[in-house]
C-alpha cells in the first residue's frame, strides 16, 4: 500500500490507495525551446561579432554578456519546469482525490469521491504512443473540470481505480442510515407518536 504523503493532514483517518506524479518528460517543450533560443542567441552573437569585426571591443563584450544572460535564463526556465513536476503530487484515498502543487508554497486541492460525477481520459498522438494522458474529474453541478491529473503514466489504470473507488463511496453513502435526528426533532416525533397512540386507544375503547 502506498505510504501517506507528509503534506496530507495528520488528523485524517483516510487510507491512501494510490500516489503518482506527472511524467518528467512533460518538460520536453521547455527544454527544446531553451536549447533553440540559446543556440540562436549564441550563434547570432558569434556571427555579428565576426562579421562586424567586434572582437575585443565594448560592443562585443556587451553582446556576449547578453547572450550569457539569455543562456542562464533559459537554463533557469528548464530547472523551474523540472521542479514544478517534482513538486506536483497526486493522491487517491478511500475518500478523496488530491492534487498538490507548488515549489515555494504548497497548494492542495481535494475532491470528495462521493461528489465525483464524471471522469474523462484524454490522450494526444504522443500520449497514445507513449501511454500517458490526463484524467479530468467533474463533480455534480459543475460546469467543467474541477480537478485534472495531467500527464500520468498508464492513465487507464488510475481511471479504473478511481471509478471503482467512486462506486464504493456512492454505495457506502446509499447504504448509510441517514443523518442523525436532533433532540428537538426527536421530542416532536415522540409527542406526535404519543398523541396518535392516545387517539388509537380511544377508538379502541369506543369500539
C-alpha atoms as a PDB file:
ATOM      1  CA  UNK A   1       0.000   0.000   0.000  1.00  0.00           C
ATOM      2  CA  UNK A   2       1.367   3.476  -0.849  1.00  0.00           C
ATOM      3  CA  UNK A   3       2.749   5.480   2.051  1.00  0.00           C
ATOM      4  CA  UNK A   4       0.902   8.576   3.251  1.00  0.00           C
ATOM      5  CA  UNK A   5       2.460  11.837   1.981  1.00  0.00           C
ATOM      6  CA  UNK A   6       3.835  14.238   4.562  1.00  0.00           C
ATOM      7  CA  UNK A   7       1.594  17.070   3.373  1.00  0.00           C
ATOM      8  CA  UNK A   8      -1.610  15.097   3.908  1.00  0.00           C
ATOM      9  CA  UNK A   9      -3.334  16.106   7.136  1.00  0.00           C
ATOM     10  CA  UNK A  10      -2.165  14.041  10.088  1.00  0.00           C
ATOM     11  CA  UNK A  11      -5.686  14.222  11.554  1.00  0.00           C
ATOM     12  CA  UNK A  12      -7.109  12.409   8.551  1.00  0.00           C
ATOM     13  CA  UNK A  13      -8.064   8.762   9.006  1.00  0.00           C
ATOM     14  CA  UNK A  14      -8.142   8.152   5.252  1.00  0.00           C
ATOM     15  CA  UNK A  15      -6.342   5.246   3.644  1.00  0.00           C
ATOM     16  CA  UNK A  16      -4.036   6.050   0.734  1.00  0.00           C
ATOM     17  CA  UNK A  17      -4.640   3.644  -2.156  1.00  0.00           C
ATOM     18  CA  UNK A  18      -2.597   5.317  -4.937  1.00  0.00           C
ATOM     19  CA  UNK A  19       0.026   8.017  -5.389  1.00  0.00           C
ATOM     20  CA  UNK A  20       1.504   9.461  -8.568  1.00  0.00           C
ATOM     21  CA  UNK A  21       3.174  12.371 -10.335  1.00  0.00           C
ATOM     22  CA  UNK A  22       3.221  13.853 -13.825  1.00  0.00           C
ATOM     23  CA  UNK A  23       5.820  12.266 -16.083  1.00  0.00           C
ATOM     24  CA  UNK A  24       9.083  14.214 -16.162  1.00  0.00           C
ATOM     25  CA  UNK A  25       9.067  14.221 -19.965  1.00  0.00           C
ATOM     26  CA  UNK A  26       6.282  16.807 -19.888  1.00  0.00           C
ATOM     27  CA  UNK A  27       9.033  19.471 -19.768  1.00  0.00           C
ATOM     28  CA  UNK A  28      10.451  18.484 -23.170  1.00  0.00           C
ATOM     29  CA  UNK A  29       8.882  21.529 -24.837  1.00  0.00           C
ATOM     30  CA  UNK A  30      10.592  23.818 -22.340  1.00  0.00           C
ATOM     31  CA  UNK A  31      13.911  22.033 -22.888  1.00  0.00           C
ATOM     32  CA  UNK A  32      13.572  22.214 -26.668  1.00  0.00           C
ATOM     33  CA  UNK A  33      12.687  25.915 -26.582  1.00  0.00           C
ATOM     34  CA  UNK A  34      15.583  26.674 -24.221  1.00  0.00           C
ATOM     35  CA  UNK A  35      18.094  24.853 -26.426  1.00  0.00           C
ATOM     36  CA  UNK A  36      16.787  26.538 -29.580  1.00  0.00           C
ATOM     37  CA  UNK A  37      16.800  30.047 -28.108  1.00  0.00           C
ATOM     38  CA  UNK A  38      20.260  29.578 -26.581  1.00  0.00           C
ATOM     39  CA  UNK A  39      21.708  28.225 -29.832  1.00  0.00           C
ATOM     40  CA  UNK A  40      20.205  31.022 -31.914  1.00  0.00           C
ATOM     41  CA  UNK A  41      21.405  33.665 -29.475  1.00  0.00           C
ATOM     42  CA  UNK A  42      24.975  32.390 -29.251  1.00  0.00           C
ATOM     43  CA  UNK A  43      25.129  31.764 -32.979  1.00  0.00           C
ATOM     44  CA  UNK A  44      23.736  35.191 -33.747  1.00  0.00           C
ATOM     45  CA  UNK A  45      26.182  36.968 -31.437  1.00  0.00           C
ATOM     46  CA  UNK A  46      29.072  34.998 -32.883  1.00  0.00           C
ATOM     47  CA  UNK A  47      28.019  35.839 -36.431  1.00  0.00           C
ATOM     48  CA  UNK A  48      27.619  39.556 -35.672  1.00  0.00           C
ATOM     49  CA  UNK A  49      30.918  39.652 -33.811  1.00  0.00           C
ATOM     50  CA  UNK A  50      32.858  38.059 -36.664  1.00  0.00           C
ATOM     51  CA  UNK A  51      31.160  39.928 -39.484  1.00  0.00           C
ATOM     52  CA  UNK A  52      31.255  43.223 -37.651  1.00  0.00           C
ATOM     53  CA  UNK A  53      34.866  42.869 -36.506  1.00  0.00           C
ATOM     54  CA  UNK A  54      33.786  43.480 -32.921  1.00  0.00           C
ATOM     55  CA  UNK A  55      36.362  41.159 -31.316  1.00  0.00           C
ATOM     56  CA  UNK A  56      37.651  42.712 -28.135  1.00  0.00           C
ATOM     57  CA  UNK A  57      35.512  45.836 -28.351  1.00  0.00           C
ATOM     58  CA  UNK A  58      32.931  47.069 -25.891  1.00  0.00           C
ATOM     59  CA  UNK A  59      30.131  46.073 -28.265  1.00  0.00           C
ATOM     60  CA  UNK A  60      31.451  42.527 -28.379  1.00  0.00           C
ATOM     61  CA  UNK A  61      31.631  42.286 -24.583  1.00  0.00           C
ATOM     62  CA  UNK A  62      28.083  43.617 -24.243  1.00  0.00           C
ATOM     63  CA  UNK A  63      26.756  41.258 -26.903  1.00  0.00           C
ATOM     64  CA  UNK A  64      28.341  38.206 -25.288  1.00  0.00           C
ATOM     65  CA  UNK A  65      27.120  39.322 -21.876  1.00  0.00           C
ATOM     66  CA  UNK A  66      23.551  39.485 -23.193  1.00  0.00           C
ATOM     67  CA  UNK A  67      23.997  36.072 -24.804  1.00  0.00           C
ATOM     68  CA  UNK A  68      25.254  34.679 -21.498  1.00  0.00           C
ATOM     69  CA  UNK A  69      22.241  36.102 -19.651  1.00  0.00           C
ATOM     70  CA  UNK A  70      19.930  34.550 -22.221  1.00  0.00           C
ATOM     71  CA  UNK A  71      21.508  31.122 -21.776  1.00  0.00           C
ATOM     72  CA  UNK A  72      21.268  31.432 -17.984  1.00  0.00           C
ATOM     73  CA  UNK A  73      17.600  32.475 -18.241  1.00  0.00           C
ATOM     74  CA  UNK A  74      16.827  29.506 -20.464  1.00  0.00           C
ATOM     75  CA  UNK A  75      18.574  27.171 -18.047  1.00  0.00           C
ATOM     76  CA  UNK A  76      16.566  28.626 -15.178  1.00  0.00           C
ATOM     77  CA  UNK A  77      13.349  28.020 -17.127  1.00  0.00           C
ATOM     78  CA  UNK A  78      14.248  24.350 -17.548  1.00  0.00           C
ATOM     79  CA  UNK A  79      15.112  23.963 -13.864  1.00  0.00           C
ATOM     80  CA  UNK A  80      11.870  25.686 -12.868  1.00  0.00           C
ATOM     81  CA  UNK A  81       9.807  23.385 -15.093  1.00  0.00           C
ATOM     82  CA  UNK A  82      11.553  20.335 -13.627  1.00  0.00           C
ATOM     83  CA  UNK A  83      10.954  21.485 -10.051  1.00  0.00           C
ATOM     84  CA  UNK A  84       7.274  22.087 -10.760  1.00  0.00           C
ATOM     85  CA  UNK A  85       6.943  18.485 -11.896  1.00  0.00           C
ATOM     86  CA  UNK A  86       8.852  17.137  -8.907  1.00  0.00           C
ATOM     87  CA  UNK A  87       6.689  19.156  -6.510  1.00  0.00           C
ATOM     88  CA  UNK A  88       3.396  18.025  -8.039  1.00  0.00           C
ATOM     89  CA  UNK A  89       1.834  15.035  -6.305  1.00  0.00           C
ATOM     90  CA  UNK A  90      -1.428  13.210  -6.896  1.00  0.00           C
ATOM     91  CA  UNK A  91      -3.028  11.094  -4.178  1.00  0.00           C
ATOM     92  CA  UNK A  92      -6.114   8.903  -4.171  1.00  0.00           C
ATOM     93  CA  UNK A  93      -7.535   7.775  -0.836  1.00  0.00           C
ATOM     94  CA  UNK A  94     -10.654   5.856   0.054  1.00  0.00           C
ATOM     95  CA  UNK A  95     -12.465   9.203   0.495  1.00  0.00           C
ATOM     96  CA  UNK A  96     -10.798  11.891  -1.626  1.00  0.00           C
ATOM     97  CA  UNK A  97      -8.574  12.572  -4.620  1.00  0.00           C
ATOM     98  CA  UNK A  98      -5.908  15.239  -4.060  1.00  0.00           C
ATOM     99  CA  UNK A  99      -3.529  17.295  -6.181  1.00  0.00           C
ATOM    100  CA  UNK A 100      -0.631  19.115  -4.505  1.00  0.00           C
ATOM    101  CA  UNK A 101       1.294  21.743  -6.467  1.00  0.00           C
ATOM    102  CA  UNK A 102       3.822  24.480  -5.726  1.00  0.00           C
ATOM    103  CA  UNK A 103       7.568  24.762  -5.217  1.00  0.00           C
ATOM    104  CA  UNK A 104       7.983  27.561  -2.692  1.00  0.00           C
ATOM    105  CA  UNK A 105       4.435  27.360  -1.358  1.00  0.00           C
ATOM    106  CA  UNK A 106       2.093  24.403  -1.477  1.00  0.00           C
ATOM    107  CA  UNK A 107      -1.452  24.339  -2.759  1.00  0.00           C
ATOM    108  CA  UNK A 108      -3.584  21.273  -2.106  1.00  0.00           C
ATOM    109  CA  UNK A 109      -6.861  20.712  -3.952  1.00  0.00           C
ATOM    110  CA  UNK A 110      -9.116  17.870  -2.888  1.00  0.00           C
ATOM    111  CA  UNK A 111     -12.412  16.409  -4.073  1.00  0.00           C
ATOM    112  CA  UNK A 112     -14.604  14.011  -2.163  1.00  0.00           C
ATOM    113  CA  UNK A 113     -15.195  10.768  -4.059  1.00  0.00           C
ATOM    114  CA  UNK A 114     -18.890  10.911  -3.193  1.00  0.00           C
ATOM    115  CA  UNK A 115     -19.111  14.149  -5.216  1.00  0.00           C
ATOM    116  CA  UNK A 116     -17.447  12.824  -8.375  1.00  0.00           C
ATOM    117  CA  UNK A 117     -19.889  12.558 -11.250  1.00  0.00           C
ATOM    118  CA  UNK A 118     -17.702  12.120 -14.328  1.00  0.00           C
ATOM    119  CA  UNK A 119     -14.114  11.189 -15.191  1.00  0.00           C
ATOM    120  CA  UNK A 120     -12.646  11.820 -18.633  1.00  0.00           C
ATOM    121  CA  UNK A 121      -9.408  10.428 -20.056  1.00  0.00           C
ATOM    122  CA  UNK A 122      -7.708  12.376 -22.833  1.00  0.00           C
ATOM    123  CA  UNK A 123      -4.611  11.464 -24.837  1.00  0.00           C
ATOM    124  CA  UNK A 124      -2.861  13.109 -27.715  1.00  0.00           C
ATOM    125  CA  UNK A 125      -0.991  11.395 -30.518  1.00  0.00           C
ATOM    126  CA  UNK A 126       2.171  11.224 -28.419  1.00  0.00           C
ATOM    127  CA  UNK A 127       0.127  10.054 -25.423  1.00  0.00           C
ATOM    128  CA  UNK A 128      -1.296   7.144 -27.373  1.00  0.00           C
ATOM    129  CA  UNK A 129       2.183   6.157 -28.494  1.00  0.00           C
ATOM    130  CA  UNK A 130       3.942   6.515 -25.136  1.00  0.00           C
ATOM    131  CA  UNK A 131       0.932   5.641 -22.927  1.00  0.00           C
ATOM    132  CA  UNK A 132       0.353   8.813 -20.951  1.00  0.00           C
ATOM    133  CA  UNK A 133      -2.594  11.163 -20.618  1.00  0.00           C
ATOM    134  CA  UNK A 134      -4.735  13.391 -18.439  1.00  0.00           C
ATOM    135  CA  UNK A 135      -7.675  12.350 -16.268  1.00  0.00           C
ATOM    136  CA  UNK A 136     -10.197  15.167 -15.757  1.00  0.00           C
ATOM    137  CA  UNK A 137     -12.663  14.959 -12.870  1.00  0.00           C
ATOM    138  CA  UNK A 138     -16.020  16.742 -12.693  1.00  0.00           C
ATOM    139  CA  UNK A 139     -18.449  16.952  -9.789  1.00  0.00           C
ATOM    140  CA  UNK A 140     -22.219  17.181  -9.752  1.00  0.00           C
ATOM    141  CA  UNK A 141     -23.447  20.624 -10.684  1.00  0.00           C
ATOM    142  CA  UNK A 142     -20.134  21.856 -12.054  1.00  0.00           C
ATOM    143  CA  UNK A 143     -19.888  23.455 -15.476  1.00  0.00           C
ATOM    144  CA  UNK A 144     -16.492  21.957 -16.318  1.00  0.00           C
ATOM    145  CA  UNK A 145     -13.456  20.193 -14.925  1.00  0.00           C
ATOM    146  CA  UNK A 146     -12.930  20.561 -11.171  1.00  0.00           C
ATOM    147  CA  UNK A 147      -9.601  18.740 -11.000  1.00  0.00           C
ATOM    148  CA  UNK A 148      -7.233  17.437 -13.678  1.00  0.00           C
ATOM    149  CA  UNK A 149      -4.398  14.987 -13.120  1.00  0.00           C
ATOM    150  CA  UNK A 150      -2.093  15.734 -16.045  1.00  0.00           C
ATOM    151  CA  UNK A 151       0.494  13.678 -17.914  1.00  0.00           C
ATOM    152  CA  UNK A 152       0.014  10.441 -15.971  1.00  0.00           C
ATOM    153  CA  UNK A 153       1.821   7.287 -16.990  1.00  0.00           C
ATOM    154  CA  UNK A 154      -0.670   4.454 -17.610  1.00  0.00           C
ATOM    155  CA  UNK A 155      -3.689   6.734 -17.049  1.00  0.00           C
ATOM    156  CA  UNK A 156      -6.195   3.955 -17.776  1.00  0.00           C
ATOM    157  CA  UNK A 157      -5.178   2.067 -14.630  1.00  0.00           C
ATOM    158  CA  UNK A 158      -5.637   5.164 -12.493  1.00  0.00           C
ATOM    159  CA  UNK A 159      -9.006   5.988 -14.040  1.00  0.00           C
ATOM    160  CA  UNK A 160     -10.246   2.435 -13.457  1.00  0.00           C
ATOM    161  CA  UNK A 161      -9.118   2.561  -9.828  1.00  0.00           C
ATOM    162  CA  UNK A 162     -10.695   5.985  -9.361  1.00  0.00           C
ATOM    163  CA  UNK A 163     -14.011   4.855 -10.820  1.00  0.00           C
ATOM    164  CA  UNK A 164     -14.021   1.787  -8.584  1.00  0.00           C
ATOM    165  CA  UNK A 165     -13.430   3.935  -5.511  1.00  0.00           C
ATOM    166  CA  UNK A 166     -16.143   6.353  -6.601  1.00  0.00           C
ATOM    167  CA  UNK A 167     -18.610   3.442  -6.899  1.00  0.00           C
ATOM    168  CA  UNK A 168     -17.648   2.220  -3.436  1.00  0.00           C
ATOM    169  CA  UNK A 169     -18.083   5.701  -1.959  1.00  0.00           C
ATOM    170  CA  UNK A 170     -21.503   6.070  -3.609  1.00  0.00           C
ATOM    171  CA  UNK A 171     -22.584   2.637  -2.400  1.00  0.00           C
ATOM    172  CA  UNK A 172     -21.489   3.472   1.133  1.00  0.00           C
ATOM    173  CA  UNK A 173     -23.488   6.694   1.033  1.00  0.00           C
ATOM    174  CA  UNK A 174     -26.601   4.907  -0.240  1.00  0.00           C
ATOM    175  CA  UNK A 175     -26.332   2.209   2.434  1.00  0.00           C
ATOM    176  CA  UNK A 176     -25.986   4.719   5.256  1.00  0.00           C
ATOM    177  CA  UNK A 177     -28.663   5.145   7.915  1.00  0.00           C
ATOM    178  CA  UNK A 178     -29.186   8.795   7.117  1.00  0.00           C
ATOM    179  CA  UNK A 179     -28.469  11.937   9.044  1.00  0.00           C
ATOM    180  CA  UNK A 180     -28.872  11.811  12.837  1.00  0.00           C
ATOM    181  CA  UNK A 181     -32.057  13.334  14.318  1.00  0.00           C
ATOM    182  CA  UNK A 182     -31.528  16.279  16.666  1.00  0.00           C
ATOM    183  CA  UNK A 183     -33.084  16.379  20.147  1.00  0.00           C
ATOM    184  CA  UNK A 184     -35.845  18.891  19.256  1.00  0.00           C
ATOM    185  CA  UNK A 185     -36.997  16.812  16.305  1.00  0.00           C
ATOM    186  CA  UNK A 186     -36.896  13.642  18.401  1.00  0.00           C
ATOM    187  CA  UNK A 187     -39.094  15.248  21.097  1.00  0.00           C
ATOM    188  CA  UNK A 188     -41.576  16.442  18.499  1.00  0.00           C
ATOM    189  CA  UNK A 189     -41.785  12.969  16.942  1.00  0.00           C
ATOM    190  CA  UNK A 190     -42.234  11.389  20.364  1.00  0.00           C
ATOM    191  CA  UNK A 191     -45.039  13.813  21.276  1.00  0.00           C
ATOM    192  CA  UNK A 192     -46.803  13.122  17.988  1.00  0.00           C
ATOM    193  CA  UNK A 193     -46.444   9.386  18.485  1.00  0.00           C
ATOM    194  CA  UNK A 194     -47.988   9.619  21.981  1.00  0.00           C
ATOM    195  CA  UNK A 195     -50.884  11.630  20.600  1.00  0.00           C
ATOM    196  CA  UNK A 196     -51.526   9.064  17.905  1.00  0.00           C
ATOM    197  CA  UNK A 197     -51.416   6.306  20.491  1.00  0.00           C
ATOM    198  CA  UNK A 198     -53.993   8.096  22.667  1.00  0.00           C
ATOM    199  CA  UNK A 199     -56.297   8.523  19.668  1.00  0.00           C
ATOM    200  CA  UNK A 200     -55.922   4.831  18.866  1.00  0.00           C
ATOM    201  CA  UNK A 201     -56.757   3.845  22.469  1.00  0.00           C
ATOM    202  CA  UNK A 202     -59.897   5.999  22.489  1.00  0.00           C
ATOM    203  CA  UNK A 203     -61.046   4.483  19.225  1.00  0.00           C
ATOM    204  CA  UNK A 204     -60.406   1.032  20.606  1.00  0.00           C
ATOM    205  CA  UNK A 205     -62.479   1.787  23.754  1.00  0.00           C
ATOM    206  CA  UNK A 206     -65.371   3.152  21.713  1.00  0.00           C
ATOM    207  CA  UNK A 207     -65.463   0.006  19.593  1.00  0.00           C
END
